[in-house]
């Protein structure tokens, strides 16, 4: 391998055999090239994996009857808040979080500085490989596992193989957030503006198409899960801020709507409708706050263009409402 032709500073076989197949054909060619360029070398990848392993397994121990907690929602749906609630009751659990793993990328600061809106794409191949590697180790050794998934219509739950989980003796506990598309799209930009304002080095702005696709995929996943007899299904409603004026910065934990498989689809759909109504009531204020933040920092054109599309979605929904 030492004498092998290099591409982007990496062995050609690694680029063509490992990294390129991970890139969706829907990704723009210029972005795909950047993904290949910014993918870590095998040595860098292994070094980051070692650090991620220390981070994930510290203080955790394998158990006799392991459980996997699936936390499922579209991007911007509020998975982190639901995960916190699950983990509060199950602390001896290894968290598989590819977004968190991206922070171990040694090139992250360079990527954030030069390509802030492409951060997720350019750190993605290595983060997803790290996710799969940590996940495989956790399953093979019998750790409780929590994994957040923003599904896609094509890949569904990505690397979740239910037959594999059964072979390893896992109980599957799925937790789905019912959040309207508009609410999550606004949240994607609100989160990004807040991350920039706080000085976060690796802010995340999800691509609009990816965000919309993940919303559609959540219901498809829910339909799949209710047909799996050994899988528990819990549907939650995302809560807004505390009503107490002294606690306006505290987000309340999600509320369990139902665990009854015979009613989860109906309850999910009703919760989506209710959430959309609530979101439309505050949409103008939320849009204004994001727009002001973008103006204050002179946001790039592509970010403004994406948010303009979300504004149009909000206007269309408001017209349908009247």
Protein backbone atom coordinates (compact mmCIF):
# COMPACT_ATOMS: atom_id res chain seq x y z
CA UNK A 1 0.00 0.00 0.00
CA UNK A 2 2.95 2.31 0.59
CA UNK A 3 3.67 2.38 -3.16
CA UNK A 4 0.04 2.67 -4.18
CA UNK A 5 -1.12 5.70 -6.14
CA UNK A 6 -2.63 8.31 -3.85
CA UNK A 7 -5.87 10.18 -4.39
CA UNK A 8 -6.60 13.18 -2.18
CA UNK A 9 -3.66 12.08 -0.04
CA UNK A 10 -5.20 8.64 0.54
CA UNK A 11 -4.61 5.24 -1.08
CA UNK A 12 -6.64 5.01 -4.28
CA UNK A 13 -8.17 1.68 -3.24
CA UNK A 14 -9.41 3.27 0.00
CA UNK A 15 -10.94 6.22 -1.85
CA UNK A 16 -12.64 4.11 -4.51
CA UNK A 17 -13.46 1.05 -2.42
CA UNK A 18 -14.49 2.58 0.90
CA UNK A 19 -15.30 6.28 0.68
CA UNK A 20 -16.82 6.79 -2.75
CA UNK A 21 -19.50 4.06 -2.33
CA UNK A 22 -20.76 5.91 0.77
CA UNK A 23 -21.59 9.04 -1.22
CA UNK A 24 -25.17 9.26 -2.43
CA UNK A 25 -25.61 9.67 -6.19
CA UNK A 26 -27.94 12.57 -5.34
CA UNK A 27 -25.06 14.60 -3.93
CA UNK A 28 -23.89 17.35 -6.27
CA UNK A 29 -20.66 16.36 -8.10
CA UNK A 30 -18.70 19.28 -6.66
CA UNK A 31 -19.79 18.35 -3.12
CA UNK A 32 -18.93 14.69 -3.74
CA UNK A 33 -15.41 15.71 -4.74
CA UNK A 34 -15.03 17.71 -1.55
CA UNK A 35 -16.25 14.72 0.47
CA UNK A 36 -13.50 12.62 -1.07
CA UNK A 37 -10.93 15.32 -0.47
CA UNK A 38 -11.85 15.86 3.17
CA UNK A 39 -12.31 12.22 4.14
CA UNK A 40 -9.66 11.15 6.66
CA UNK A 41 -6.77 8.89 5.76
CA UNK A 42 -7.04 5.34 7.17
CA UNK A 43 -4.54 6.30 9.87
CA UNK A 44 -6.45 9.43 10.86
CA UNK A 45 -9.69 7.48 10.90
CA UNK A 46 -8.24 4.80 13.21
CA UNK A 47 -6.84 7.42 15.58
CA UNK A 48 -10.21 9.18 15.81
CA UNK A 49 -11.96 5.83 16.36
CA UNK A 50 -9.73 5.09 19.35
CA UNK A 51 -10.68 8.41 20.94
CA UNK A 52 -14.36 7.91 20.19
CA UNK A 53 -14.25 4.45 21.77
CA UNK A 54 -12.82 5.88 24.99
CA UNK A 55 -15.55 8.54 24.96
CA UNK A 56 -18.42 6.10 24.35
CA UNK A 57 -17.54 3.19 26.65
CA UNK A 58 -16.19 5.10 29.64
CA UNK A 59 -18.06 3.97 32.77
CA UNK A 60 -20.32 1.55 30.86
CA UNK A 61 -20.57 -2.21 31.44
CA UNK A 62 -22.12 -5.04 29.38
CA UNK A 63 -25.37 -6.58 30.67
CA UNK A 64 -26.99 -10.00 30.50
CA UNK A 65 -30.18 -8.90 28.71
CA UNK A 66 -29.22 -5.90 26.60
CA UNK A 67 -31.69 -3.34 25.28
CA UNK A 68 -31.37 -1.05 22.27
CA UNK A 69 -33.24 2.24 22.53
CA UNK A 70 -34.07 3.72 19.12
CA UNK A 71 -34.82 7.44 19.23
CA UNK A 72 -36.41 8.37 15.92
CA UNK A 73 -37.41 11.70 14.42
CA UNK A 74 -36.64 13.89 11.45
CA UNK A 75 -33.69 16.27 11.57
CA UNK A 76 -34.55 19.15 13.88
CA UNK A 77 -37.22 17.05 15.57
CA UNK A 78 -35.74 17.18 19.06
CA UNK A 79 -34.15 13.75 19.38
CA UNK A 80 -31.51 14.96 21.83
CA UNK A 81 -34.13 16.00 24.36
CA UNK A 82 -35.90 12.63 24.14
CA UNK A 83 -32.58 10.81 24.39
CA UNK A 84 -31.80 12.71 27.58
CA UNK A 85 -35.10 11.50 29.07
CA UNK A 86 -34.39 7.90 28.11
CA UNK A 87 -30.82 8.03 29.41
CA UNK A 88 -31.89 9.56 32.72
CA UNK A 89 -33.63 6.26 33.48
CA UNK A 90 -31.03 4.04 31.80
CA UNK A 91 -27.58 5.54 32.47
CA UNK A 92 -25.61 2.33 31.76
CA UNK A 93 -26.13 2.83 28.03
CA UNK A 94 -23.68 3.43 25.19
CA UNK A 95 -24.82 6.32 23.01
CA UNK A 96 -24.20 5.99 19.27
CA UNK A 97 -24.25 9.53 17.87
CA UNK A 98 -22.58 10.17 14.52
CA UNK A 99 -23.04 13.94 14.96
CA UNK A 100 -21.04 13.80 18.19
CA UNK A 101 -18.40 11.68 16.48
CA UNK A 102 -17.87 14.42 13.89
CA UNK A 103 -16.33 16.54 16.65
CA UNK A 104 -13.39 14.08 16.72
CA UNK A 105 -12.55 14.83 13.09
CA UNK A 106 -9.10 16.47 13.12
CA UNK A 107 -10.05 18.63 10.12
CA UNK A 108 -13.32 19.94 11.58
CA UNK A 109 -12.12 23.50 12.23
CA UNK A 110 -10.83 23.84 8.67
CA UNK A 111 -14.13 22.51 7.31
CA UNK A 112 -16.28 24.78 9.49
CA UNK A 113 -14.28 27.83 8.45
CA UNK A 114 -14.28 27.14 4.72
CA UNK A 115 -17.53 25.20 4.16
CA UNK A 116 -19.91 25.83 7.11
CA UNK A 117 -23.05 24.63 5.29
CA UNK A 118 -21.28 21.49 4.06
CA UNK A 119 -19.92 20.47 7.47
CA UNK A 120 -22.32 17.51 7.74
CA UNK A 121 -21.46 16.26 4.25
CA UNK A 122 -17.70 16.59 4.54
CA UNK A 123 -17.41 14.94 7.95
CA UNK A 124 -20.12 12.39 7.14
CA UNK A 125 -18.24 9.43 5.63
CA UNK A 126 -15.88 9.04 8.57
CA UNK A 127 -18.54 9.76 11.20
CA UNK A 128 -20.84 7.13 9.73
CA UNK A 129 -18.04 4.57 9.59
CA UNK A 130 -17.21 5.41 13.21
CA UNK A 131 -20.89 4.99 14.08
CA UNK A 132 -20.97 1.53 12.53
CA UNK A 133 -17.69 0.49 14.17
CA UNK A 134 -18.75 1.58 17.68
CA UNK A 135 -22.20 0.06 17.16
CA UNK A 136 -20.73 -3.31 16.13
CA UNK A 137 -18.46 -3.40 19.17
CA UNK A 138 -21.33 -2.51 21.52
CA UNK A 139 -23.59 -5.25 20.12
CA UNK A 140 -20.93 -7.94 20.09
CA UNK A 141 -20.07 -7.25 23.74
CA UNK A 142 -23.64 -6.89 25.04
CA UNK A 143 -23.88 -3.22 26.02
CA UNK A 144 -27.18 -1.40 26.30
CA UNK A 145 -27.28 0.94 23.33
CA UNK A 146 -29.08 4.15 22.44
CA UNK A 147 -28.96 5.36 18.88
CA UNK A 148 -30.63 8.44 17.44
CA UNK A 149 -31.85 8.07 13.87
CA UNK A 150 -33.11 10.67 11.43
CA UNK A 151 -34.29 8.12 8.86
CA UNK A 152 -34.42 8.44 5.10
CA UNK A 153 -36.99 7.14 2.64
CA UNK A 154 -34.29 5.14 0.87
CA UNK A 155 -32.11 3.85 3.71
CA UNK A 156 -34.85 3.78 6.35
CA UNK A 157 -33.06 3.21 9.68
CA UNK A 158 -29.65 2.97 8.02
CA UNK A 159 -27.54 0.34 9.80
CA UNK A 160 -30.25 -1.06 12.10
CA UNK A 161 -30.56 -4.77 11.30
CA UNK A 162 -33.35 -6.30 13.41
CA UNK A 163 -32.27 -9.85 12.60
CA UNK A 164 -28.80 -9.02 13.89
CA UNK A 165 -30.27 -7.58 17.07
CA UNK A 166 -32.24 -10.76 17.62
CA UNK A 167 -29.11 -12.89 17.16
CA UNK A 168 -27.35 -10.86 19.85
CA UNK A 169 -30.33 -11.21 22.19
CA UNK A 170 -31.42 -7.57 22.19
CA UNK A 171 -34.79 -6.20 23.21
CA UNK A 172 -35.80 -3.34 20.90
CA UNK A 173 -37.42 -0.26 22.43
CA UNK A 174 -38.36 2.33 19.79
CA UNK A 175 -39.22 5.92 20.67
CA UNK A 176 -40.69 8.19 17.99
CA UNK A 177 -41.25 11.94 18.19
CA UNK A 178 -44.30 13.37 16.46
CA UNK A 179 -43.15 16.76 15.17
CA UNK A 180 -44.59 18.67 12.20
CA UNK A 181 -42.37 19.34 9.21
CA UNK A 182 -42.54 23.13 9.58
CA UNK A 183 -41.59 22.97 13.25
CA UNK A 184 -38.52 20.85 12.54
CA UNK A 185 -37.45 22.94 9.53
CA UNK A 186 -37.56 26.10 11.63
CA UNK A 187 -35.74 24.28 14.42
CA UNK A 188 -32.92 23.31 12.05
CA UNK A 189 -32.16 26.99 11.41
CA UNK A 190 -32.82 28.10 14.98
CA UNK A 191 -30.37 25.50 16.23
CA UNK A 192 -27.76 26.59 13.70
CA UNK A 193 -28.08 30.27 14.58
CA UNK A 194 -27.85 29.43 18.28
CA UNK A 195 -24.74 27.30 17.71
CA UNK A 196 -23.03 30.12 15.83
CA UNK A 197 -24.00 32.68 18.46
CA UNK A 198 -22.57 30.46 21.21
CA UNK A 199 -19.30 30.08 19.32
CA UNK A 200 -19.64 26.36 18.64
CA UNK A 201 -16.82 25.16 16.41
CA UNK A 202 -18.87 22.61 14.50
CA UNK A 203 -22.35 24.09 13.90
CA UNK A 204 -24.74 21.95 11.89
CA UNK A 205 -27.13 23.22 9.22
CA UNK A 206 -29.01 20.34 7.63
CA UNK A 207 -29.74 20.43 3.91
CA UNK A 208 -33.42 21.20 3.21
CA UNK A 209 -34.01 18.17 0.99
CA UNK A 210 -32.50 15.88 3.60
CA UNK A 211 -34.68 17.45 6.29
CA UNK A 212 -37.86 17.06 4.24
CA UNK A 213 -37.03 13.48 3.28
CA UNK A 214 -36.42 12.51 6.90
CA UNK A 215 -39.86 13.83 7.88
CA UNK A 216 -41.57 11.63 5.29
CA UNK A 217 -39.45 8.67 6.38
CA UNK A 218 -40.49 8.82 10.05
CA UNK A 219 -44.06 7.75 9.31
CA UNK A 220 -42.84 4.99 6.99
CA UNK A 221 -40.64 3.69 9.81
CA UNK A 222 -43.57 3.83 12.21
CA UNK A 223 -45.60 1.67 9.82
CA UNK A 224 -42.74 -0.84 9.73
CA UNK A 225 -42.31 -0.95 13.50
CA UNK A 226 -45.94 -1.63 14.39
CA UNK A 227 -45.74 -4.80 12.28
CA UNK A 228 -42.80 -6.14 14.29
CA UNK A 229 -44.32 -8.10 17.20
CA UNK A 230 -41.28 -8.04 19.46
CA UNK A 231 -40.55 -4.31 19.08
CA UNK A 232 -41.95 -1.85 21.63
CA UNK A 233 -43.23 1.37 20.03
CA UNK A 234 -43.58 4.60 22.03
CA UNK A 235 -44.83 7.81 20.39
CA UNK A 236 -44.05 11.14 22.03
CA UNK A 237 -45.15 14.73 21.58
CA UNK A 238 -42.43 17.36 21.61
CA UNK A 239 -43.04 20.05 24.21
CA UNK A 240 -42.34 23.75 23.93
CA UNK A 241 -40.62 25.91 26.49
CA UNK A 242 -41.75 25.91 30.09
CA UNK A 243 -44.67 28.27 30.67
CA UNK A 244 -43.00 29.70 33.75
CA UNK A 245 -41.51 33.11 33.02
CA UNK A 246 -38.52 32.20 35.18
CA UNK A 247 -37.84 29.06 33.14
CA UNK A 248 -38.28 30.25 29.56
CA UNK A 249 -34.93 28.79 28.55
CA UNK A 250 -35.78 25.29 29.77
CA UNK A 251 -37.33 22.86 27.30
CA UNK A 252 -39.75 20.40 28.86
CA UNK A 253 -39.24 16.65 28.31
CA UNK A 254 -41.32 15.05 25.54
CA UNK A 255 -44.69 13.64 26.64
CA UNK A 256 -45.59 10.03 25.91
CA UNK A 257 -48.75 9.91 23.77
CA UNK A 258 -49.21 6.16 23.40
CA UNK A 259 -47.47 2.79 23.44
CA UNK A 260 -50.52 0.99 22.01
CA UNK A 261 -49.63 -0.29 18.54
CA UNK A 262 -53.29 -0.37 17.52
CA UNK A 263 -53.54 3.41 17.84
CA UNK A 264 -50.04 4.76 17.24
CA UNK A 265 -50.57 5.75 13.59
CA UNK A 266 -53.73 7.67 14.40
CA UNK A 267 -52.18 9.31 17.46
CA UNK A 268 -49.03 10.18 15.52
CA UNK A 269 -51.01 11.82 12.70
CA UNK A 270 -53.16 13.78 15.14
CA UNK A 271 -50.09 14.96 17.04
CA UNK A 272 -48.52 16.14 13.77
CA UNK A 273 -51.65 18.17 12.94
CA UNK A 274 -51.76 19.72 16.40
CA UNK A 275 -48.06 20.53 16.31
CA UNK A 276 -48.43 22.22 12.93
CA UNK A 277 -51.24 24.41 14.24
CA UNK A 278 -49.19 25.45 17.25
CA UNK A 279 -46.16 26.09 15.03
CA UNK A 280 -48.13 28.32 12.64
CA UNK A 281 -49.23 30.49 15.55
CA UNK A 282 -45.63 31.40 16.34
CA UNK A 283 -44.10 30.98 12.87
CA UNK A 284 -43.88 34.71 12.04
CA UNK A 285 -42.01 35.44 15.26
CA UNK A 286 -39.64 32.51 14.80
CA UNK A 287 -38.97 33.40 11.17
CA UNK A 288 -38.26 37.01 12.11
CA UNK A 289 -35.77 35.98 14.81
CA UNK A 290 -33.86 33.68 12.44
CA UNK A 291 -33.85 36.31 9.70
CA UNK A 292 -32.55 38.97 12.09
CA UNK A 293 -29.78 36.64 13.25
CA UNK A 294 -28.80 35.88 9.67
CA UNK A 295 -28.73 39.59 8.82
CA UNK A 296 -26.63 40.43 11.87
CA UNK A 297 -23.94 37.94 10.88
CA UNK A 298 -24.29 38.54 7.13
CA UNK A 299 -25.18 34.91 6.45
CA UNK A 300 -24.02 33.34 3.16
CA UNK A 301 -26.35 33.43 0.16
CA UNK A 302 -26.98 29.68 0.15
CA UNK A 303 -28.16 29.76 3.77
CA UNK A 304 -30.50 32.66 3.04
CA UNK A 305 -31.85 30.86 -0.02
CA UNK A 306 -32.60 27.73 1.98
CA UNK A 307 -34.38 29.67 4.69
CA UNK A 308 -36.40 31.57 2.08
CA UNK A 309 -37.81 28.23 0.92
CA UNK A 310 -38.88 27.46 4.49
CA UNK A 311 -40.59 30.85 4.69
CA UNK A 312 -42.52 29.94 1.54
CA UNK A 313 -43.57 26.64 3.10
CA UNK A 314 -44.88 28.52 6.13
CA UNK A 315 -46.82 30.97 3.92
CA UNK A 316 -48.39 28.14 1.93
CA UNK A 317 -49.48 26.33 5.09
CA UNK A 318 -50.95 29.54 6.50
CA UNK A 319 -52.92 30.07 3.28
CA UNK A 320 -54.27 26.51 3.46
CA UNK A 321 -55.26 27.18 7.06
CA UNK A 322 -57.46 30.20 6.19
